C-alpha cells in the first residue's frame, strides 16, 4: 500500500514541566506523489494529534518523507500561548542540547 512517513516533534507544557515529544508516523495514501493528498493527510493527522493531546501544545514541526526523500516541512505554533514563553522554549530547543531546568 502506498505510504509516506512523517517525523513529528511537539513541544508540550503541563502544570509541572515542559517537554518535547517525537513521533515517527507511517501514513497511508492512495498516491504518495500527489502532494495535495499527502499534505491533506499530514495536516489531518497533526490536527487530530493536537486535538487529543493531554497537555497544552506550544509548537511543533513535522517532516514529511516519501521513499526516504524529504518532501516538505510543516511548522506550527499555538497562537493562544504566552508568546514570550514560547520564544524562550524555542530557544532552548534550537540549541540542540539536552537541558534540564
N, C-alpha and C. Protein backbone atom coordinates (compact mmCIF):
# COMPACT_ATOMS: atom_id res chain seq x y z
N UNK A 1 0.84 -1.18 0.00
CA UNK A 1 0.00 0.00 0.00
C UNK A 1 0.89 1.24 0.00
N UNK A 2 0.60 2.26 -0.85
CA UNK A 2 1.41 3.48 -0.90
C UNK A 2 1.37 4.21 0.44
N UNK A 3 2.50 4.82 0.76
CA UNK A 3 2.59 5.49 2.06
C UNK A 3 3.61 6.61 2.02
N UNK A 4 3.60 7.40 3.08
CA UNK A 4 4.67 8.36 3.35
C UNK A 4 4.94 8.32 4.84
N UNK A 5 6.08 8.84 5.23
CA UNK A 5 6.45 8.87 6.64
C UNK A 5 6.48 10.31 7.12
N UNK A 6 6.10 10.48 8.38
CA UNK A 6 6.13 11.81 8.98
C UNK A 6 6.83 11.73 10.33
N UNK A 7 7.79 12.63 10.52
CA UNK A 7 8.50 12.73 11.79
C UNK A 7 7.95 13.98 12.47
N UNK A 8 7.22 13.77 13.55
CA UNK A 8 6.51 14.84 14.24
C UNK A 8 7.18 15.12 15.58
N UNK A 9 7.47 16.40 15.84
CA UNK A 9 8.01 16.83 17.12
C UNK A 9 7.03 17.85 17.69
N UNK A 10 6.61 17.63 18.93
CA UNK A 10 5.64 18.50 19.58
C UNK A 10 6.21 18.95 20.92
N UNK A 11 6.12 20.26 21.19
CA UNK A 11 6.53 20.81 22.48
C UNK A 11 5.27 21.01 23.31
N UNK A 12 5.21 20.34 24.47
CA UNK A 12 4.03 20.37 25.32
C UNK A 12 4.37 20.93 26.70
N UNK A 13 3.36 21.53 27.31
CA UNK A 13 3.54 22.08 28.65
C UNK A 13 2.41 21.56 29.54
N UNK A 14 2.81 21.04 30.69
CA UNK A 14 1.84 20.67 31.71
C UNK A 14 2.05 21.61 32.89
N UNK A 15 1.33 21.39 33.97
CA UNK A 15 1.48 22.25 35.15
C UNK A 15 2.89 22.19 35.72
N UNK A 16 3.50 21.02 35.67
CA UNK A 16 4.80 20.84 36.31
C UNK A 16 6.00 20.95 35.39
N UNK A 17 5.83 20.73 34.09
CA UNK A 17 7.01 20.65 33.24
C UNK A 17 6.71 20.98 31.78
N UNK A 18 7.79 21.16 31.06
CA UNK A 18 7.76 21.34 29.62
C UNK A 18 8.56 20.18 29.02
N UNK A 19 8.08 19.63 27.91
CA UNK A 19 8.83 18.56 27.27
C UNK A 19 8.55 18.52 25.77
N UNK A 20 9.51 18.00 25.04
CA UNK A 20 9.29 17.75 23.62
C UNK A 20 9.12 16.26 23.44
N UNK A 21 8.21 15.91 22.55
CA UNK A 21 7.91 14.51 22.28
C UNK A 21 8.04 14.31 20.77
N UNK A 22 8.69 13.23 20.38
CA UNK A 22 8.87 12.94 18.96
C UNK A 22 8.13 11.66 18.59
N UNK A 23 7.54 11.69 17.40
CA UNK A 23 6.79 10.55 16.89
C UNK A 23 7.25 10.27 15.46
N UNK A 24 7.40 9.00 15.12
CA UNK A 24 7.60 8.58 13.74
C UNK A 24 6.31 7.90 13.31
N UNK A 25 5.66 8.47 12.29
CA UNK A 25 4.33 8.01 11.89
C UNK A 25 4.36 7.55 10.44
N UNK A 26 3.76 6.42 10.17
CA UNK A 26 3.58 5.94 8.81
C UNK A 26 2.15 6.26 8.39
N UNK A 27 2.00 6.94 7.27
CA UNK A 27 0.70 7.41 6.79
C UNK A 27 0.40 6.76 5.44
N UNK A 28 -0.78 6.20 5.30
CA UNK A 28 -1.15 5.54 4.06
C UNK A 28 -2.03 6.44 3.21
N UNK A 29 -1.72 6.50 1.93
CA UNK A 29 -2.44 7.32 0.96
C UNK A 29 -2.61 6.52 -0.33
N UNK A 30 -3.48 7.00 -1.20
CA UNK A 30 -3.67 6.34 -2.49
C UNK A 30 -2.47 6.56 -3.41
N UNK A 31 -1.95 7.81 -3.42
CA UNK A 31 -0.86 8.17 -4.32
C UNK A 31 0.13 9.08 -3.61
N UNK A 32 1.29 8.55 -3.17
CA UNK A 32 2.24 9.38 -2.43
C UNK A 32 2.91 10.46 -3.28
N UNK A 33 2.69 10.45 -4.60
CA UNK A 33 3.24 11.52 -5.44
C UNK A 33 2.25 12.66 -5.61
N UNK A 34 1.03 12.48 -5.10
CA UNK A 34 0.01 13.54 -5.15
C UNK A 34 0.20 14.43 -3.92
N UNK A 35 0.86 15.57 -4.12
CA UNK A 35 1.20 16.44 -3.00
C UNK A 35 -0.02 16.96 -2.26
N UNK A 36 -1.13 17.19 -2.95
CA UNK A 36 -2.35 17.64 -2.27
C UNK A 36 -2.86 16.57 -1.31
N UNK A 37 -2.84 15.31 -1.74
CA UNK A 37 -3.30 14.22 -0.89
C UNK A 37 -2.37 14.05 0.31
N UNK A 38 -1.06 14.11 0.07
CA UNK A 38 -0.08 13.96 1.14
C UNK A 38 -0.23 15.10 2.14
N UNK A 39 -0.32 16.33 1.65
CA UNK A 39 -0.46 17.48 2.54
C UNK A 39 -1.76 17.41 3.34
N UNK A 40 -2.86 17.06 2.70
CA UNK A 40 -4.15 16.93 3.39
C UNK A 40 -4.05 15.87 4.49
N UNK A 41 -3.48 14.72 4.16
CA UNK A 41 -3.36 13.64 5.13
C UNK A 41 -2.46 14.04 6.30
N UNK A 42 -1.32 14.68 6.01
CA UNK A 42 -0.40 15.12 7.07
C UNK A 42 -1.08 16.12 7.99
N UNK A 43 -1.76 17.10 7.41
CA UNK A 43 -2.45 18.10 8.23
C UNK A 43 -3.54 17.48 9.08
N UNK A 44 -4.26 16.51 8.53
CA UNK A 44 -5.32 15.83 9.28
C UNK A 44 -4.74 15.07 10.48
N UNK A 45 -3.64 14.38 10.26
CA UNK A 45 -3.01 13.60 11.34
C UNK A 45 -2.49 14.55 12.43
N UNK A 46 -1.85 15.65 12.03
CA UNK A 46 -1.35 16.62 13.01
C UNK A 46 -2.51 17.21 13.80
N UNK A 47 -3.56 17.62 13.11
CA UNK A 47 -4.73 18.22 13.79
C UNK A 47 -5.34 17.26 14.80
N UNK A 48 -5.49 15.99 14.41
CA UNK A 48 -6.05 15.00 15.33
C UNK A 48 -5.15 14.83 16.54
N UNK A 49 -3.84 14.81 16.31
CA UNK A 49 -2.92 14.66 17.43
C UNK A 49 -3.04 15.85 18.39
N UNK A 50 -3.11 17.06 17.84
CA UNK A 50 -3.20 18.25 18.68
C UNK A 50 -4.52 18.29 19.46
N UNK A 51 -5.60 17.89 18.82
CA UNK A 51 -6.90 17.88 19.49
C UNK A 51 -6.95 16.87 20.63
N UNK A 52 -6.21 15.77 20.51
CA UNK A 52 -6.24 14.71 21.52
C UNK A 52 -5.10 14.80 22.53
N UNK A 53 -4.28 15.83 22.44
CA UNK A 53 -3.14 15.97 23.35
C UNK A 53 -3.64 16.19 24.78
N UNK A 54 -2.99 15.54 25.71
CA UNK A 54 -3.36 15.69 27.13
C UNK A 54 -2.85 17.00 27.71
N UNK A 55 -1.73 17.50 27.18
CA UNK A 55 -1.13 18.74 27.67
C UNK A 55 -1.31 19.85 26.64
N UNK A 56 -0.96 21.07 27.02
CA UNK A 56 -1.03 22.21 26.12
C UNK A 56 0.12 22.11 25.11
N UNK A 57 -0.20 22.11 23.84
CA UNK A 57 0.82 22.08 22.80
C UNK A 57 1.22 23.52 22.50
N UNK A 58 2.53 23.80 22.62
CA UNK A 58 3.03 25.15 22.38
C UNK A 58 3.44 25.36 20.93
N UNK A 59 4.15 24.39 20.38
CA UNK A 59 4.59 24.46 18.99
C UNK A 59 5.08 23.09 18.55
N UNK A 60 5.39 22.97 17.27
CA UNK A 60 5.91 21.71 16.77
C UNK A 60 6.32 21.80 15.32
N UNK A 61 6.91 20.72 14.85
CA UNK A 61 7.31 20.61 13.45
C UNK A 61 7.00 19.20 12.96
N UNK A 62 6.84 19.10 11.65
CA UNK A 62 6.65 17.80 11.02
C UNK A 62 7.47 17.77 9.74
N UNK A 63 8.21 16.69 9.55
CA UNK A 63 8.97 16.48 8.33
C UNK A 63 8.31 15.32 7.60
N UNK A 64 7.93 15.57 6.35
CA UNK A 64 7.24 14.55 5.55
C UNK A 64 8.21 13.99 4.53
N UNK A 65 8.31 12.65 4.48
CA UNK A 65 9.21 11.96 3.56
C UNK A 65 8.45 10.95 2.73
N UNK A 66 8.81 10.86 1.46
CA UNK A 66 8.29 9.82 0.57
C UNK A 66 9.50 9.05 0.06
N UNK A 67 9.50 7.76 0.30
CA UNK A 67 10.60 6.87 -0.09
C UNK A 67 11.95 7.40 0.37
N UNK A 68 12.00 7.88 1.61
CA UNK A 68 13.25 8.34 2.20
C UNK A 68 13.68 9.73 1.78
N UNK A 69 12.92 10.39 0.91
CA UNK A 69 13.27 11.74 0.46
C UNK A 69 12.35 12.75 1.13
N UNK A 70 12.96 13.78 1.74
CA UNK A 70 12.19 14.82 2.40
C UNK A 70 11.43 15.63 1.35
N UNK A 71 10.10 15.69 1.51
CA UNK A 71 9.25 16.38 0.55
C UNK A 71 8.91 17.79 1.02
N UNK A 72 8.48 17.92 2.29
CA UNK A 72 8.20 19.23 2.84
C UNK A 72 8.19 19.18 4.35
N UNK A 73 8.21 20.38 4.95
CA UNK A 73 8.18 20.56 6.40
C UNK A 73 6.96 21.38 6.76
N UNK A 74 6.42 21.10 7.93
CA UNK A 74 5.31 21.87 8.46
C UNK A 74 5.73 22.35 9.85
N UNK A 75 5.53 23.63 10.12
CA UNK A 75 5.79 24.17 11.45
C UNK A 75 4.49 24.79 11.95
N UNK A 76 4.23 24.64 13.24
CA UNK A 76 3.01 25.20 13.81
C UNK A 76 3.28 25.72 15.21
N UNK A 77 2.45 26.69 15.62
CA UNK A 77 2.63 27.33 16.92
C UNK A 77 1.25 27.66 17.49
N UNK A 78 1.11 27.50 18.79
CA UNK A 78 -0.13 27.82 19.49
C UNK A 78 -0.24 29.32 19.66
N UNK A 79 -1.14 29.95 18.91
CA UNK A 79 -1.28 31.41 18.97
C UNK A 79 -1.87 31.88 20.29
N UNK A 80 -2.49 30.99 21.06
CA UNK A 80 -3.11 31.36 22.33
C UNK A 80 -2.14 31.27 23.50
N UNK A 81 -0.96 30.72 23.27
CA UNK A 81 0.03 30.57 24.33
C UNK A 81 0.78 31.88 24.54
N UNK A 82 1.38 32.03 25.72
CA UNK A 82 2.22 33.19 26.03
C UNK A 82 3.41 33.18 25.07
N UNK A 83 3.48 34.16 24.18
CA UNK A 83 4.49 34.17 23.12
C UNK A 83 5.91 34.34 23.65
N UNK A 84 6.09 35.07 24.75
CA UNK A 84 7.42 35.18 25.34
C UNK A 84 7.90 33.82 25.84
N UNK A 85 6.99 33.09 26.47
CA UNK A 85 7.34 31.76 26.96
C UNK A 85 7.65 30.83 25.79
N UNK A 86 6.83 30.88 24.75
CA UNK A 86 7.06 30.04 23.57
C UNK A 86 8.41 30.35 22.95
N UNK A 87 8.74 31.64 22.78
CA UNK A 87 10.02 32.02 22.20
C UNK A 87 11.19 31.55 23.05
N UNK A 88 11.04 31.65 24.37
CA UNK A 88 12.09 31.20 25.28
C UNK A 88 12.32 29.69 25.15
N UNK A 89 11.24 28.94 25.09
CA UNK A 89 11.34 27.48 24.98
C UNK A 89 11.89 27.09 23.61
N UNK A 90 11.47 27.80 22.57
CA UNK A 90 12.02 27.54 21.23
C UNK A 90 13.53 27.73 21.23
N UNK A 91 13.98 28.76 21.92
CA UNK A 91 15.42 29.00 22.03
C UNK A 91 16.16 27.83 22.64
N UNK A 92 15.57 27.21 23.66
CA UNK A 92 16.18 26.04 24.28
C UNK A 92 16.23 24.86 23.30
N UNK A 93 15.18 24.70 22.53
CA UNK A 93 15.11 23.58 21.59
C UNK A 93 16.10 23.73 20.44
N UNK A 94 16.32 24.97 20.02
CA UNK A 94 17.19 25.22 18.89
C UNK A 94 18.66 24.97 19.25
N UNK A 95 18.98 25.07 20.52
CA UNK A 95 20.36 24.83 20.94
C UNK A 95 20.82 23.42 20.60
N UNK A 96 19.89 22.48 20.51
CA UNK A 96 20.24 21.12 20.17
C UNK A 96 20.92 20.36 21.28
N UNK A 97 20.84 20.84 22.49
CA UNK A 97 21.44 20.17 23.64
C UNK A 97 20.34 19.75 24.60
N UNK A 98 20.58 18.66 25.31
CA UNK A 98 19.63 18.25 26.33
C UNK A 98 19.85 19.12 27.55
N UNK A 99 18.80 19.72 28.05
CA UNK A 99 18.90 20.62 29.18
C UNK A 99 17.78 20.32 30.16
N UNK A 100 18.12 20.31 31.43
CA UNK A 100 17.10 20.15 32.47
C UNK A 100 17.08 21.44 33.28
N UNK A 101 15.88 22.03 33.41
CA UNK A 101 15.74 23.27 34.16
C UNK A 101 14.78 23.06 35.30
